[in-house]
N, C-alpha and C. Protein backbone atom coordinates (compact mmCIF):
# COMPACT_ATOMS: atom_id res chain seq x y z
N MET A 1 14.48 -6.57 18.89
CA MET A 1 13.19 -6.25 18.27
C MET A 1 13.39 -5.89 16.81
N ALA A 2 12.40 -6.23 16.00
CA ALA A 2 12.46 -5.92 14.57
C ALA A 2 12.31 -4.42 14.36
N GLU A 3 12.83 -3.93 13.24
CA GLU A 3 12.81 -2.50 12.94
C GLU A 3 12.32 -2.24 11.52
N LEU A 4 11.74 -1.06 11.35
CA LEU A 4 11.45 -0.52 10.03
C LEU A 4 12.46 0.60 9.81
N VAL A 5 13.35 0.41 8.83
CA VAL A 5 14.43 1.36 8.58
C VAL A 5 14.31 1.92 7.17
N PHE A 6 14.50 3.23 7.04
CA PHE A 6 14.44 3.89 5.74
C PHE A 6 15.81 4.47 5.43
N PHE A 7 16.46 3.94 4.38
CA PHE A 7 17.74 4.46 3.91
C PHE A 7 17.44 5.39 2.73
N SER A 8 17.78 6.66 2.88
CA SER A 8 17.40 7.64 1.87
C SER A 8 18.62 8.38 1.33
N GLY A 9 18.42 9.02 0.20
CA GLY A 9 19.47 9.80 -0.44
C GLY A 9 19.02 10.20 -1.82
N THR A 10 19.84 10.97 -2.51
CA THR A 10 19.52 11.35 -3.89
C THR A 10 19.80 10.17 -4.82
N MET A 11 19.45 10.33 -6.07
CA MET A 11 19.84 9.35 -7.07
C MET A 11 21.37 9.27 -7.11
N ASP A 12 21.87 8.12 -7.52
CA ASP A 12 23.30 7.94 -7.74
C ASP A 12 24.13 7.97 -6.45
N CYS A 13 23.49 7.67 -5.30
CA CYS A 13 24.26 7.67 -4.05
C CYS A 13 24.45 6.26 -3.51
N GLY A 14 24.07 5.23 -4.30
CA GLY A 14 24.36 3.86 -3.90
C GLY A 14 23.29 3.13 -3.13
N LYS A 15 22.03 3.57 -3.24
CA LYS A 15 20.95 2.93 -2.47
C LYS A 15 20.76 1.47 -2.87
N SER A 16 20.66 1.21 -4.17
CA SER A 16 20.42 -0.17 -4.63
C SER A 16 21.64 -1.04 -4.36
N THR A 17 22.82 -0.47 -4.47
CA THR A 17 24.05 -1.21 -4.15
C THR A 17 24.03 -1.63 -2.68
N LEU A 18 23.66 -0.71 -1.80
CA LEU A 18 23.58 -1.04 -0.38
C LEU A 18 22.50 -2.09 -0.12
N ALA A 19 21.37 -1.99 -0.81
CA ALA A 19 20.29 -2.97 -0.63
C ALA A 19 20.78 -4.37 -0.98
N LEU A 20 21.49 -4.50 -2.09
CA LEU A 20 22.01 -5.80 -2.50
C LEU A 20 23.10 -6.28 -1.54
N GLN A 21 23.94 -5.37 -1.07
CA GLN A 21 24.99 -5.73 -0.12
C GLN A 21 24.38 -6.21 1.20
N MET A 22 23.34 -5.52 1.63
CA MET A 22 22.70 -5.90 2.88
C MET A 22 22.06 -7.28 2.76
N ASP A 23 21.43 -7.56 1.63
CA ASP A 23 20.86 -8.89 1.42
C ASP A 23 21.95 -9.96 1.45
N HIS A 24 23.08 -9.67 0.82
CA HIS A 24 24.21 -10.60 0.81
C HIS A 24 24.70 -10.86 2.24
N ASN A 25 24.85 -9.80 3.03
CA ASN A 25 25.35 -9.95 4.39
C ASN A 25 24.43 -10.80 5.25
N HIS A 26 23.13 -10.57 5.13
CA HIS A 26 22.17 -11.34 5.92
C HIS A 26 22.13 -12.80 5.47
N THR A 27 22.17 -13.01 4.16
CA THR A 27 22.16 -14.37 3.64
C THR A 27 23.39 -15.14 4.10
N ALA A 28 24.53 -14.47 4.14
CA ALA A 28 25.78 -15.11 4.57
C ALA A 28 25.72 -15.55 6.03
N ARG A 29 24.82 -14.95 6.79
CA ARG A 29 24.67 -15.33 8.20
C ARG A 29 23.50 -16.29 8.40
N GLY A 30 23.01 -16.86 7.31
CA GLY A 30 21.97 -17.87 7.41
C GLY A 30 20.55 -17.34 7.49
N ARG A 31 20.38 -16.06 7.32
CA ARG A 31 19.03 -15.50 7.35
C ARG A 31 18.40 -15.59 5.96
N GLN A 32 17.09 -15.65 5.92
CA GLN A 32 16.37 -15.75 4.66
C GLN A 32 15.43 -14.56 4.51
N GLY A 33 15.55 -13.88 3.39
CA GLY A 33 14.75 -12.69 3.19
C GLY A 33 14.07 -12.66 1.84
N VAL A 34 13.31 -11.59 1.62
CA VAL A 34 12.61 -11.37 0.36
C VAL A 34 13.00 -9.99 -0.15
N ILE A 35 13.39 -9.91 -1.42
CA ILE A 35 13.73 -8.64 -2.06
C ILE A 35 12.52 -8.18 -2.88
N LEU A 36 12.13 -6.93 -2.68
CA LEU A 36 11.00 -6.38 -3.41
C LEU A 36 11.38 -5.02 -3.98
N THR A 37 10.78 -4.67 -5.11
CA THR A 37 11.08 -3.37 -5.71
C THR A 37 9.92 -2.94 -6.57
N ARG A 38 9.98 -1.71 -7.04
CA ARG A 38 8.96 -1.21 -7.96
C ARG A 38 9.60 -0.23 -8.94
N ASN A 39 9.32 -0.43 -10.20
CA ASN A 39 9.76 0.50 -11.26
C ASN A 39 11.27 0.63 -11.34
N ASP A 40 11.99 -0.46 -11.18
CA ASP A 40 13.43 -0.40 -11.36
C ASP A 40 13.74 -0.08 -12.82
N ARG A 41 14.79 0.70 -13.06
CA ARG A 41 15.13 1.11 -14.43
C ARG A 41 15.50 -0.07 -15.33
N ALA A 42 15.88 -1.22 -14.71
CA ALA A 42 16.27 -2.40 -15.49
C ALA A 42 15.07 -3.24 -15.91
N GLY A 43 13.88 -2.90 -15.41
CA GLY A 43 12.69 -3.66 -15.78
C GLY A 43 12.01 -4.27 -14.58
N ALA A 44 10.88 -4.93 -14.84
CA ALA A 44 10.08 -5.50 -13.76
C ALA A 44 10.80 -6.65 -13.07
N ALA A 45 10.47 -6.82 -11.79
CA ALA A 45 10.96 -7.94 -10.97
C ALA A 45 12.48 -8.01 -10.93
N THR A 46 13.12 -6.84 -10.93
CA THR A 46 14.58 -6.77 -10.90
C THR A 46 15.02 -5.62 -10.01
N ILE A 47 16.05 -5.85 -9.24
CA ILE A 47 16.72 -4.77 -8.52
C ILE A 47 18.11 -4.65 -9.11
N SER A 48 18.47 -3.44 -9.53
CA SER A 48 19.76 -3.26 -10.21
C SER A 48 20.50 -2.06 -9.64
N SER A 49 21.82 -2.15 -9.70
CA SER A 49 22.70 -1.09 -9.26
C SER A 49 23.45 -0.54 -10.46
N ARG A 50 23.80 0.72 -10.42
CA ARG A 50 24.57 1.32 -11.51
C ARG A 50 25.99 0.76 -11.58
N LEU A 51 26.40 0.05 -10.54
CA LEU A 51 27.70 -0.61 -10.57
C LEU A 51 27.66 -1.92 -11.35
N GLY A 52 26.45 -2.32 -11.78
CA GLY A 52 26.32 -3.54 -12.57
C GLY A 52 25.76 -4.72 -11.82
N LEU A 53 25.52 -4.57 -10.53
CA LEU A 53 24.93 -5.65 -9.74
C LEU A 53 23.43 -5.70 -9.97
N ARG A 54 22.87 -6.91 -9.91
CA ARG A 54 21.42 -7.03 -10.02
C ARG A 54 20.96 -8.35 -9.43
N ALA A 55 19.69 -8.43 -9.10
CA ALA A 55 19.12 -9.64 -8.54
C ALA A 55 17.63 -9.67 -8.86
N GLU A 56 17.08 -10.88 -8.84
CA GLU A 56 15.64 -11.01 -9.04
C GLU A 56 14.91 -10.48 -7.81
N ALA A 57 13.72 -9.95 -8.04
CA ALA A 57 12.94 -9.37 -6.94
C ALA A 57 11.46 -9.58 -7.19
N VAL A 58 10.67 -9.38 -6.17
CA VAL A 58 9.22 -9.38 -6.30
C VAL A 58 8.80 -7.98 -6.71
N GLU A 59 8.03 -7.89 -7.80
CA GLU A 59 7.58 -6.58 -8.28
C GLU A 59 6.35 -6.12 -7.49
N VAL A 60 6.43 -4.93 -6.95
CA VAL A 60 5.33 -4.36 -6.19
C VAL A 60 4.40 -3.60 -7.15
N THR A 61 3.12 -3.89 -7.08
CA THR A 61 2.12 -3.23 -7.93
C THR A 61 1.19 -2.39 -7.06
N ASP A 62 0.25 -1.70 -7.70
CA ASP A 62 -0.67 -0.84 -6.96
C ASP A 62 -1.46 -1.60 -5.90
N ASP A 63 -1.86 -2.82 -6.22
CA ASP A 63 -2.71 -3.58 -5.30
C ASP A 63 -1.92 -4.58 -4.44
N PHE A 64 -0.60 -4.47 -4.45
CA PHE A 64 0.22 -5.39 -3.67
C PHE A 64 0.05 -5.12 -2.18
N ASP A 65 -0.09 -6.19 -1.39
CA ASP A 65 -0.23 -6.09 0.06
C ASP A 65 0.97 -6.78 0.71
N PHE A 66 1.86 -6.00 1.30
CA PHE A 66 3.08 -6.56 1.89
C PHE A 66 2.76 -7.52 3.03
N HIS A 67 1.87 -7.14 3.90
CA HIS A 67 1.54 -7.98 5.05
C HIS A 67 0.94 -9.30 4.59
N ALA A 68 0.00 -9.25 3.67
CA ALA A 68 -0.64 -10.47 3.17
C ALA A 68 0.37 -11.36 2.45
N HIS A 69 1.30 -10.74 1.72
CA HIS A 69 2.32 -11.50 0.99
C HIS A 69 3.22 -12.28 1.96
N VAL A 70 3.64 -11.64 3.02
CA VAL A 70 4.51 -12.31 3.99
C VAL A 70 3.74 -13.40 4.73
N VAL A 71 2.51 -13.11 5.13
CA VAL A 71 1.69 -14.11 5.82
C VAL A 71 1.48 -15.33 4.93
N GLN A 72 1.27 -15.12 3.65
CA GLN A 72 1.09 -16.23 2.72
C GLN A 72 2.34 -17.10 2.65
N ARG A 73 3.51 -16.47 2.61
CA ARG A 73 4.77 -17.22 2.58
C ARG A 73 4.95 -18.03 3.86
N LEU A 74 4.66 -17.41 4.98
CA LEU A 74 4.82 -18.10 6.27
C LEU A 74 3.82 -19.25 6.39
N SER A 75 2.59 -19.03 5.92
CA SER A 75 1.56 -20.06 6.00
C SER A 75 1.89 -21.26 5.12
N ALA A 76 2.66 -21.01 4.06
CA ALA A 76 3.05 -22.10 3.16
C ALA A 76 4.30 -22.83 3.66
N GLY A 77 4.76 -22.47 4.84
CA GLY A 77 5.93 -23.13 5.42
C GLY A 77 7.24 -22.46 5.12
N GLY A 78 7.19 -21.29 4.49
CA GLY A 78 8.42 -20.57 4.18
C GLY A 78 8.96 -19.82 5.39
N ARG A 79 10.15 -19.34 5.25
CA ARG A 79 10.80 -18.59 6.32
C ARG A 79 11.13 -17.19 5.81
N VAL A 80 10.79 -16.20 6.59
CA VAL A 80 11.08 -14.81 6.22
C VAL A 80 11.66 -14.12 7.44
N ASP A 81 12.93 -13.77 7.37
CA ASP A 81 13.60 -13.08 8.48
C ASP A 81 13.65 -11.57 8.25
N TYR A 82 13.57 -11.15 7.00
CA TYR A 82 13.68 -9.72 6.70
C TYR A 82 13.15 -9.44 5.30
N LEU A 83 12.83 -8.17 5.06
CA LEU A 83 12.45 -7.70 3.73
C LEU A 83 13.43 -6.62 3.30
N ILE A 84 13.84 -6.68 2.03
CA ILE A 84 14.62 -5.62 1.40
C ILE A 84 13.69 -4.96 0.38
N CYS A 85 13.39 -3.68 0.57
CA CYS A 85 12.42 -2.99 -0.29
C CYS A 85 13.10 -1.81 -0.98
N ASP A 86 13.39 -1.95 -2.26
CA ASP A 86 14.05 -0.88 -3.01
C ASP A 86 13.02 -0.04 -3.74
N GLU A 87 13.40 1.17 -4.13
CA GLU A 87 12.52 2.13 -4.80
C GLU A 87 11.26 2.37 -3.97
N ALA A 88 11.45 2.50 -2.66
CA ALA A 88 10.32 2.62 -1.75
C ALA A 88 9.55 3.93 -1.91
N GLN A 89 10.15 4.90 -2.57
CA GLN A 89 9.42 6.15 -2.79
C GLN A 89 8.18 5.94 -3.64
N PHE A 90 8.17 4.85 -4.43
CA PHE A 90 7.03 4.57 -5.30
C PHE A 90 5.91 3.80 -4.61
N PHE A 91 6.12 3.40 -3.36
CA PHE A 91 5.07 2.69 -2.63
C PHE A 91 3.98 3.67 -2.21
N ALA A 92 2.75 3.17 -2.13
CA ALA A 92 1.65 3.99 -1.61
C ALA A 92 1.79 4.11 -0.10
N ALA A 93 1.22 5.15 0.45
CA ALA A 93 1.28 5.35 1.90
C ALA A 93 0.68 4.15 2.64
N GLU A 94 -0.39 3.59 2.08
CA GLU A 94 -1.03 2.43 2.70
C GLU A 94 -0.09 1.22 2.71
N GLN A 95 0.73 1.11 1.69
CA GLN A 95 1.68 0.00 1.64
C GLN A 95 2.78 0.16 2.69
N VAL A 96 3.17 1.39 2.98
CA VAL A 96 4.14 1.62 4.05
C VAL A 96 3.52 1.23 5.39
N ASP A 97 2.24 1.50 5.58
CA ASP A 97 1.55 1.06 6.79
C ASP A 97 1.59 -0.47 6.90
N GLN A 98 1.46 -1.15 5.77
CA GLN A 98 1.54 -2.61 5.76
C GLN A 98 2.92 -3.08 6.20
N LEU A 99 3.95 -2.38 5.76
CA LEU A 99 5.32 -2.74 6.17
C LEU A 99 5.49 -2.57 7.68
N ALA A 100 4.89 -1.53 8.23
CA ALA A 100 4.95 -1.33 9.68
C ALA A 100 4.26 -2.49 10.39
N ARG A 101 3.17 -3.00 9.83
CA ARG A 101 2.48 -4.15 10.43
C ARG A 101 3.37 -5.40 10.38
N VAL A 102 4.12 -5.56 9.30
CA VAL A 102 5.04 -6.70 9.19
C VAL A 102 6.04 -6.66 10.34
N VAL A 103 6.55 -5.47 10.64
CA VAL A 103 7.52 -5.32 11.73
C VAL A 103 6.86 -5.57 13.08
N ASP A 104 5.74 -4.91 13.33
CA ASP A 104 5.13 -4.93 14.66
C ASP A 104 4.41 -6.22 14.98
N GLU A 105 3.74 -6.81 13.98
CA GLU A 105 2.92 -7.99 14.25
C GLU A 105 3.64 -9.31 13.95
N LEU A 106 4.58 -9.27 13.00
CA LEU A 106 5.27 -10.50 12.62
C LEU A 106 6.72 -10.53 13.09
N ASP A 107 7.18 -9.43 13.67
CA ASP A 107 8.55 -9.33 14.21
C ASP A 107 9.60 -9.62 13.14
N ILE A 108 9.41 -9.01 11.96
CA ILE A 108 10.32 -9.19 10.83
C ILE A 108 10.95 -7.84 10.49
N ASP A 109 12.26 -7.82 10.34
CA ASP A 109 12.95 -6.58 9.96
C ASP A 109 12.59 -6.17 8.54
N VAL A 110 12.38 -4.87 8.35
CA VAL A 110 12.09 -4.32 7.03
C VAL A 110 13.08 -3.20 6.75
N TYR A 111 13.85 -3.35 5.67
CA TYR A 111 14.83 -2.35 5.26
C TYR A 111 14.36 -1.74 3.93
N THR A 112 14.06 -0.46 3.95
CA THR A 112 13.57 0.21 2.75
C THR A 112 14.61 1.20 2.23
N PHE A 113 14.61 1.39 0.92
CA PHE A 113 15.60 2.24 0.26
C PHE A 113 14.89 3.10 -0.78
N GLY A 114 15.17 4.39 -0.78
CA GLY A 114 14.52 5.23 -1.78
C GLY A 114 14.96 6.68 -1.70
N ILE A 115 14.61 7.43 -2.72
CA ILE A 115 14.86 8.86 -2.71
C ILE A 115 13.71 9.55 -1.97
N THR A 116 13.98 10.70 -1.44
CA THR A 116 12.99 11.37 -0.59
C THR A 116 12.05 12.25 -1.40
N THR A 117 12.61 13.08 -2.29
CA THR A 117 11.79 14.05 -3.01
C THR A 117 11.83 13.82 -4.52
N ASP A 118 10.82 14.32 -5.20
CA ASP A 118 10.72 14.18 -6.65
C ASP A 118 11.45 15.32 -7.35
N PHE A 119 11.25 15.43 -8.67
CA PHE A 119 11.96 16.43 -9.46
C PHE A 119 11.51 17.86 -9.15
N ARG A 120 10.40 17.98 -8.42
CA ARG A 120 9.92 19.31 -8.02
C ARG A 120 10.33 19.65 -6.59
N ALA A 121 11.16 18.78 -5.99
CA ALA A 121 11.60 18.94 -4.60
C ALA A 121 10.44 18.78 -3.63
N ARG A 122 9.49 17.90 -3.97
CA ARG A 122 8.37 17.60 -3.10
C ARG A 122 8.42 16.13 -2.70
N LEU A 123 8.01 15.85 -1.47
CA LEU A 123 8.09 14.49 -0.95
C LEU A 123 7.22 13.52 -1.76
N PHE A 124 7.79 12.34 -2.04
CA PHE A 124 6.98 11.25 -2.56
C PHE A 124 6.07 10.76 -1.42
N PRO A 125 4.85 10.33 -1.71
CA PRO A 125 3.96 9.82 -0.66
C PRO A 125 4.58 8.67 0.13
N GLY A 126 5.24 7.74 -0.56
CA GLY A 126 5.86 6.62 0.13
C GLY A 126 6.97 7.07 1.06
N SER A 127 7.80 7.99 0.60
CA SER A 127 8.90 8.49 1.43
C SER A 127 8.37 9.29 2.61
N GLN A 128 7.35 10.08 2.38
CA GLN A 128 6.77 10.85 3.48
C GLN A 128 6.25 9.93 4.57
N ARG A 129 5.55 8.88 4.18
CA ARG A 129 5.00 7.97 5.19
C ARG A 129 6.11 7.20 5.91
N LEU A 130 7.18 6.87 5.19
CA LEU A 130 8.31 6.20 5.83
C LEU A 130 8.97 7.10 6.87
N ILE A 131 9.11 8.37 6.55
CA ILE A 131 9.69 9.32 7.51
C ILE A 131 8.81 9.41 8.75
N GLU A 132 7.51 9.32 8.55
CA GLU A 132 6.56 9.40 9.66
C GLU A 132 6.58 8.15 10.54
N LEU A 133 6.80 6.97 9.93
CA LEU A 133 6.65 5.72 10.65
C LEU A 133 7.94 4.98 11.00
N ALA A 134 9.01 5.23 10.28
CA ALA A 134 10.23 4.42 10.44
C ALA A 134 10.82 4.54 11.85
N ASP A 135 11.36 3.42 12.32
CA ASP A 135 12.11 3.45 13.58
C ASP A 135 13.40 4.24 13.42
N ARG A 136 13.97 4.15 12.22
CA ARG A 136 15.20 4.89 11.92
C ARG A 136 15.17 5.38 10.49
N VAL A 137 15.64 6.59 10.28
CA VAL A 137 15.86 7.12 8.93
C VAL A 137 17.34 7.38 8.79
N GLU A 138 17.97 6.69 7.85
CA GLU A 138 19.41 6.80 7.66
C GLU A 138 19.70 7.48 6.32
N VAL A 139 20.41 8.59 6.37
CA VAL A 139 20.83 9.28 5.14
C VAL A 139 22.15 8.67 4.70
N LEU A 140 22.20 8.18 3.47
CA LEU A 140 23.40 7.50 3.00
C LEU A 140 24.58 8.47 2.93
N GLN A 141 25.74 7.98 3.31
CA GLN A 141 26.92 8.83 3.43
C GLN A 141 27.71 8.96 2.13
N VAL A 142 27.37 8.15 1.13
CA VAL A 142 28.04 8.29 -0.17
C VAL A 142 27.40 9.48 -0.88
N GLU A 143 28.13 10.57 -1.01
CA GLU A 143 27.56 11.80 -1.54
C GLU A 143 27.58 11.81 -3.06
N ALA A 144 26.40 12.00 -3.65
CA ALA A 144 26.33 12.29 -5.08
C ALA A 144 26.72 13.75 -5.27
N LEU A 145 27.30 14.06 -6.42
CA LEU A 145 27.80 15.41 -6.65
C LEU A 145 27.06 16.10 -7.79
N CYS A 146 26.78 17.37 -7.59
CA CYS A 146 26.26 18.22 -8.65
C CYS A 146 27.38 18.45 -9.68
N TRP A 147 27.01 18.90 -10.87
CA TRP A 147 28.01 19.14 -11.91
C TRP A 147 29.04 20.18 -11.47
N CYS A 148 28.67 21.03 -10.51
CA CYS A 148 29.60 22.07 -10.06
C CYS A 148 30.58 21.55 -9.02
N GLY A 149 30.37 20.31 -8.55
CA GLY A 149 31.25 19.72 -7.56
C GLY A 149 30.71 19.78 -6.14
N ALA A 150 29.63 20.54 -5.93
CA ALA A 150 29.03 20.62 -4.60
C ALA A 150 28.19 19.36 -4.34
N ARG A 151 27.86 19.14 -3.08
CA ARG A 151 27.04 17.99 -2.71
C ARG A 151 25.66 18.12 -3.34
N ALA A 152 25.24 17.07 -4.04
CA ALA A 152 23.92 17.08 -4.68
C ALA A 152 22.85 16.75 -3.65
N THR A 153 21.81 17.55 -3.61
CA THR A 153 20.72 17.36 -2.65
C THR A 153 19.36 17.23 -3.31
N HIS A 154 19.27 17.51 -4.61
CA HIS A 154 17.99 17.51 -5.29
C HIS A 154 18.06 16.69 -6.58
N ASN A 155 16.91 16.12 -6.94
CA ASN A 155 16.79 15.34 -8.17
C ASN A 155 16.07 16.17 -9.23
N ALA A 156 16.66 16.29 -10.39
CA ALA A 156 16.06 17.08 -11.46
C ALA A 156 15.66 16.17 -12.62
N ARG A 157 14.52 16.45 -13.22
CA ARG A 157 14.11 15.75 -14.44
C ARG A 157 14.50 16.61 -15.63
N THR A 158 15.05 15.98 -16.66
CA THR A 158 15.50 16.72 -17.83
C THR A 158 14.93 16.12 -19.11
N VAL A 159 14.82 16.96 -20.12
CA VAL A 159 14.50 16.52 -21.47
C VAL A 159 15.53 17.16 -22.38
N GLY A 160 16.37 16.36 -22.99
CA GLY A 160 17.44 16.90 -23.81
C GLY A 160 18.41 17.76 -23.01
N GLY A 161 18.57 17.43 -21.73
CA GLY A 161 19.50 18.17 -20.89
C GLY A 161 18.90 19.40 -20.24
N VAL A 162 17.66 19.75 -20.60
CA VAL A 162 17.01 20.93 -20.05
C VAL A 162 16.07 20.51 -18.92
N MET A 163 16.19 21.14 -17.77
CA MET A 163 15.37 20.79 -16.62
C MET A 163 13.93 21.17 -16.83
N VAL A 164 13.01 20.26 -16.45
CA VAL A 164 11.57 20.52 -16.53
C VAL A 164 11.00 20.44 -15.13
N VAL A 165 9.92 21.20 -14.89
CA VAL A 165 9.32 21.25 -13.55
C VAL A 165 7.84 20.91 -13.57
N GLU A 166 7.35 20.41 -14.70
CA GLU A 166 5.95 20.01 -14.80
C GLU A 166 5.87 18.60 -15.34
N GLY A 167 4.77 17.91 -15.01
CA GLY A 167 4.57 16.56 -15.50
C GLY A 167 4.20 15.62 -14.38
N ALA A 168 3.95 14.36 -14.74
CA ALA A 168 3.59 13.35 -13.76
C ALA A 168 4.72 13.16 -12.76
N GLN A 169 4.37 12.82 -11.53
CA GLN A 169 5.39 12.64 -10.49
C GLN A 169 6.31 11.48 -10.81
N VAL A 170 5.77 10.41 -11.39
CA VAL A 170 6.56 9.22 -11.68
C VAL A 170 6.72 9.05 -13.18
N VAL A 171 7.92 9.23 -13.68
CA VAL A 171 8.30 8.93 -15.05
C VAL A 171 9.65 8.24 -14.97
N ILE A 172 9.71 6.99 -15.42
CA ILE A 172 10.94 6.21 -15.25
C ILE A 172 11.99 6.67 -16.24
N GLY A 173 13.17 6.91 -15.75
CA GLY A 173 14.29 7.31 -16.60
C GLY A 173 15.58 7.00 -15.89
N ASP A 174 16.70 7.42 -16.48
CA ASP A 174 18.01 7.16 -15.89
C ASP A 174 18.84 8.42 -16.02
N ILE A 175 20.03 8.37 -15.41
CA ILE A 175 20.92 9.54 -15.48
C ILE A 175 21.70 9.56 -16.79
N SER A 176 21.71 8.45 -17.54
CA SER A 176 22.41 8.39 -18.82
C SER A 176 21.40 8.20 -19.93
N VAL A 177 21.11 9.25 -20.67
CA VAL A 177 20.09 9.19 -21.72
C VAL A 177 20.59 9.87 -22.98
N ASN A 178 19.90 9.61 -24.07
CA ASN A 178 20.20 10.27 -25.33
C ASN A 178 19.45 11.59 -25.41
N GLU A 179 19.80 12.38 -26.39
CA GLU A 179 19.16 13.68 -26.58
C GLU A 179 17.66 13.51 -26.78
N ASP A 180 16.89 14.39 -26.15
CA ASP A 180 15.43 14.44 -26.22
C ASP A 180 14.75 13.35 -25.40
N GLU A 181 15.50 12.48 -24.74
CA GLU A 181 14.89 11.50 -23.85
C GLU A 181 14.71 12.09 -22.46
N VAL A 182 13.71 11.57 -21.74
CA VAL A 182 13.52 11.97 -20.36
C VAL A 182 14.63 11.35 -19.52
N GLY A 183 15.31 12.17 -18.77
CA GLY A 183 16.39 11.68 -17.92
C GLY A 183 16.36 12.39 -16.58
N TYR A 184 17.33 12.07 -15.75
CA TYR A 184 17.41 12.67 -14.43
C TYR A 184 18.85 13.08 -14.14
N GLU A 185 18.98 14.11 -13.31
CA GLU A 185 20.30 14.61 -12.93
C GLU A 185 20.23 15.09 -11.50
N VAL A 186 21.27 14.83 -10.74
CA VAL A 186 21.32 15.32 -9.37
C VAL A 186 22.01 16.68 -9.35
N LEU A 187 21.42 17.61 -8.58
CA LEU A 187 21.92 18.98 -8.51
C LEU A 187 21.99 19.44 -7.07
N CYS A 188 22.83 20.43 -6.81
CA CYS A 188 22.79 21.10 -5.52
C CYS A 188 21.54 21.98 -5.49
N ARG A 189 21.15 22.44 -4.32
CA ARG A 189 19.93 23.25 -4.22
C ARG A 189 20.01 24.52 -5.06
N ARG A 190 21.17 25.17 -5.04
CA ARG A 190 21.34 26.42 -5.78
C ARG A 190 21.04 26.24 -7.27
N HIS A 191 21.60 25.19 -7.86
CA HIS A 191 21.41 25.01 -9.29
C HIS A 191 20.06 24.38 -9.62
N HIS A 192 19.46 23.66 -8.66
CA HIS A 192 18.10 23.18 -8.87
C HIS A 192 17.14 24.36 -8.90
N ARG A 193 17.32 25.31 -7.99
CA ARG A 193 16.46 26.50 -7.97
C ARG A 193 16.63 27.32 -9.24
N ARG A 194 17.83 27.35 -9.78
CA ARG A 194 18.09 28.12 -11.00
C ARG A 194 17.81 27.32 -12.27
N ARG A 195 17.45 26.04 -12.09
CA ARG A 195 17.20 25.13 -13.22
C ARG A 195 18.42 25.04 -14.13
N LEU A 196 19.59 24.99 -13.53
CA LEU A 196 20.84 25.00 -14.29
C LEU A 196 21.46 23.61 -14.24
N THR A 197 21.26 22.85 -15.31
CA THR A 197 21.84 21.52 -15.41
C THR A 197 23.23 21.59 -16.02
N ALA A 198 23.91 20.45 -16.08
CA ALA A 198 25.25 20.43 -16.68
C ALA A 198 25.20 20.87 -18.13
N ALA A 199 24.17 20.42 -18.86
CA ALA A 199 24.07 20.76 -20.29
C ALA A 199 23.79 22.25 -20.49
N THR A 200 22.87 22.82 -19.71
CA THR A 200 22.55 24.24 -19.88
C THR A 200 23.69 25.12 -19.40
N ALA A 201 24.40 24.68 -18.36
CA ALA A 201 25.55 25.44 -17.90
C ALA A 201 26.64 25.46 -18.97
N ARG A 202 26.85 24.31 -19.61
CA ARG A 202 27.87 24.20 -20.66
C ARG A 202 27.48 25.06 -21.86
N ALA A 203 26.19 25.07 -22.20
CA ALA A 203 25.72 25.87 -23.32
C ALA A 203 25.89 27.35 -23.05
N SER A 204 25.67 27.77 -21.81
CA SER A 204 25.83 29.17 -21.45
C SER A 204 27.27 29.62 -21.60
N VAL A 205 28.19 28.75 -21.19
CA VAL A 205 29.62 29.08 -21.28
C VAL A 205 30.05 29.19 -22.73
N LEU A 206 29.51 28.33 -23.58
CA LEU A 206 29.94 28.28 -24.97
C LEU A 206 29.16 29.23 -25.88
N SER A 207 28.12 29.88 -25.34
CA SER A 207 27.26 30.72 -26.16
C SER A 207 28.05 31.88 -26.77
N PRO A 208 27.92 32.11 -28.09
CA PRO A 208 28.64 33.23 -28.73
C PRO A 208 28.07 34.58 -28.31
N ASP A 209 26.87 34.58 -27.68
CA ASP A 209 26.26 35.83 -27.25
C ASP A 209 26.84 36.34 -25.94
N VAL A 210 27.61 35.48 -25.28
CA VAL A 210 28.20 35.88 -24.00
C VAL A 210 29.65 36.30 -24.26
N LEU A 211 29.95 37.57 -24.09
CA LEU A 211 31.28 38.08 -24.36
C LEU A 211 32.20 37.81 -23.18
N PRO A 212 33.47 37.57 -23.43
CA PRO A 212 34.43 37.43 -22.33
C PRO A 212 34.42 38.67 -21.47
N PHE A 213 34.77 38.51 -20.21
CA PHE A 213 34.74 39.62 -19.26
C PHE A 213 35.64 40.76 -19.70
N GLU A 214 36.83 40.41 -20.24
CA GLU A 214 37.76 41.46 -20.66
C GLU A 214 37.19 42.31 -21.76
N GLU A 215 36.45 41.67 -22.72
CA GLU A 215 35.91 42.44 -23.83
C GLU A 215 34.78 43.33 -23.37
N GLN A 216 34.00 42.87 -22.34
CA GLN A 216 32.92 43.70 -21.85
C GLN A 216 33.46 44.96 -21.18
N GLN A 217 34.69 44.85 -20.65
CA GLN A 217 35.28 46.00 -19.96
C GLN A 217 35.90 46.99 -20.92
N ALA A 218 36.12 46.56 -22.19
CA ALA A 218 36.81 47.43 -23.13
C ALA A 218 35.95 48.62 -23.55
């Protein structure tokens, strides 16, 4: 039976790499699929990995209908054995319902990939609906690390290295940015709660206002 599967994890844990690898594996076995994504950092109609891998994809928009898209391909004589859906956190809840219809009514496997929570540690609507509907939710085993070396569990939005907690839920950025650009960083829960990024932690250590412990004891 076909399945709706949600592969989740923080940023920088290899979701897009796995999506591309899974497409390769299925293609090598003679299966034919469709790759879809939304708001990839490399630009529209592209799925990209930080390892340098990339492939063309169908860009998902606000009014995109997954079920209608697959039915149209099948009606035109095409073959669809599976869907690879990256950046699924950006999908609307209604679009996740459409993916469930693709599985249940068309008997087509759907593999979705995305982060679970936003920079405020709140569920994305698409991720929430996937957790509610998916046959399986798989947490990726490649652990992203916080700057302190602990397992990263939260995604932080930064501006000039300083964590921000207000703003639109969706702002496209990357983990490698210049000063004053909007970027993202993965943190452990402790440092996310303290809003302590790598840059602010480094600044605290180097601050001339912080005396060494030995001098404070003198």
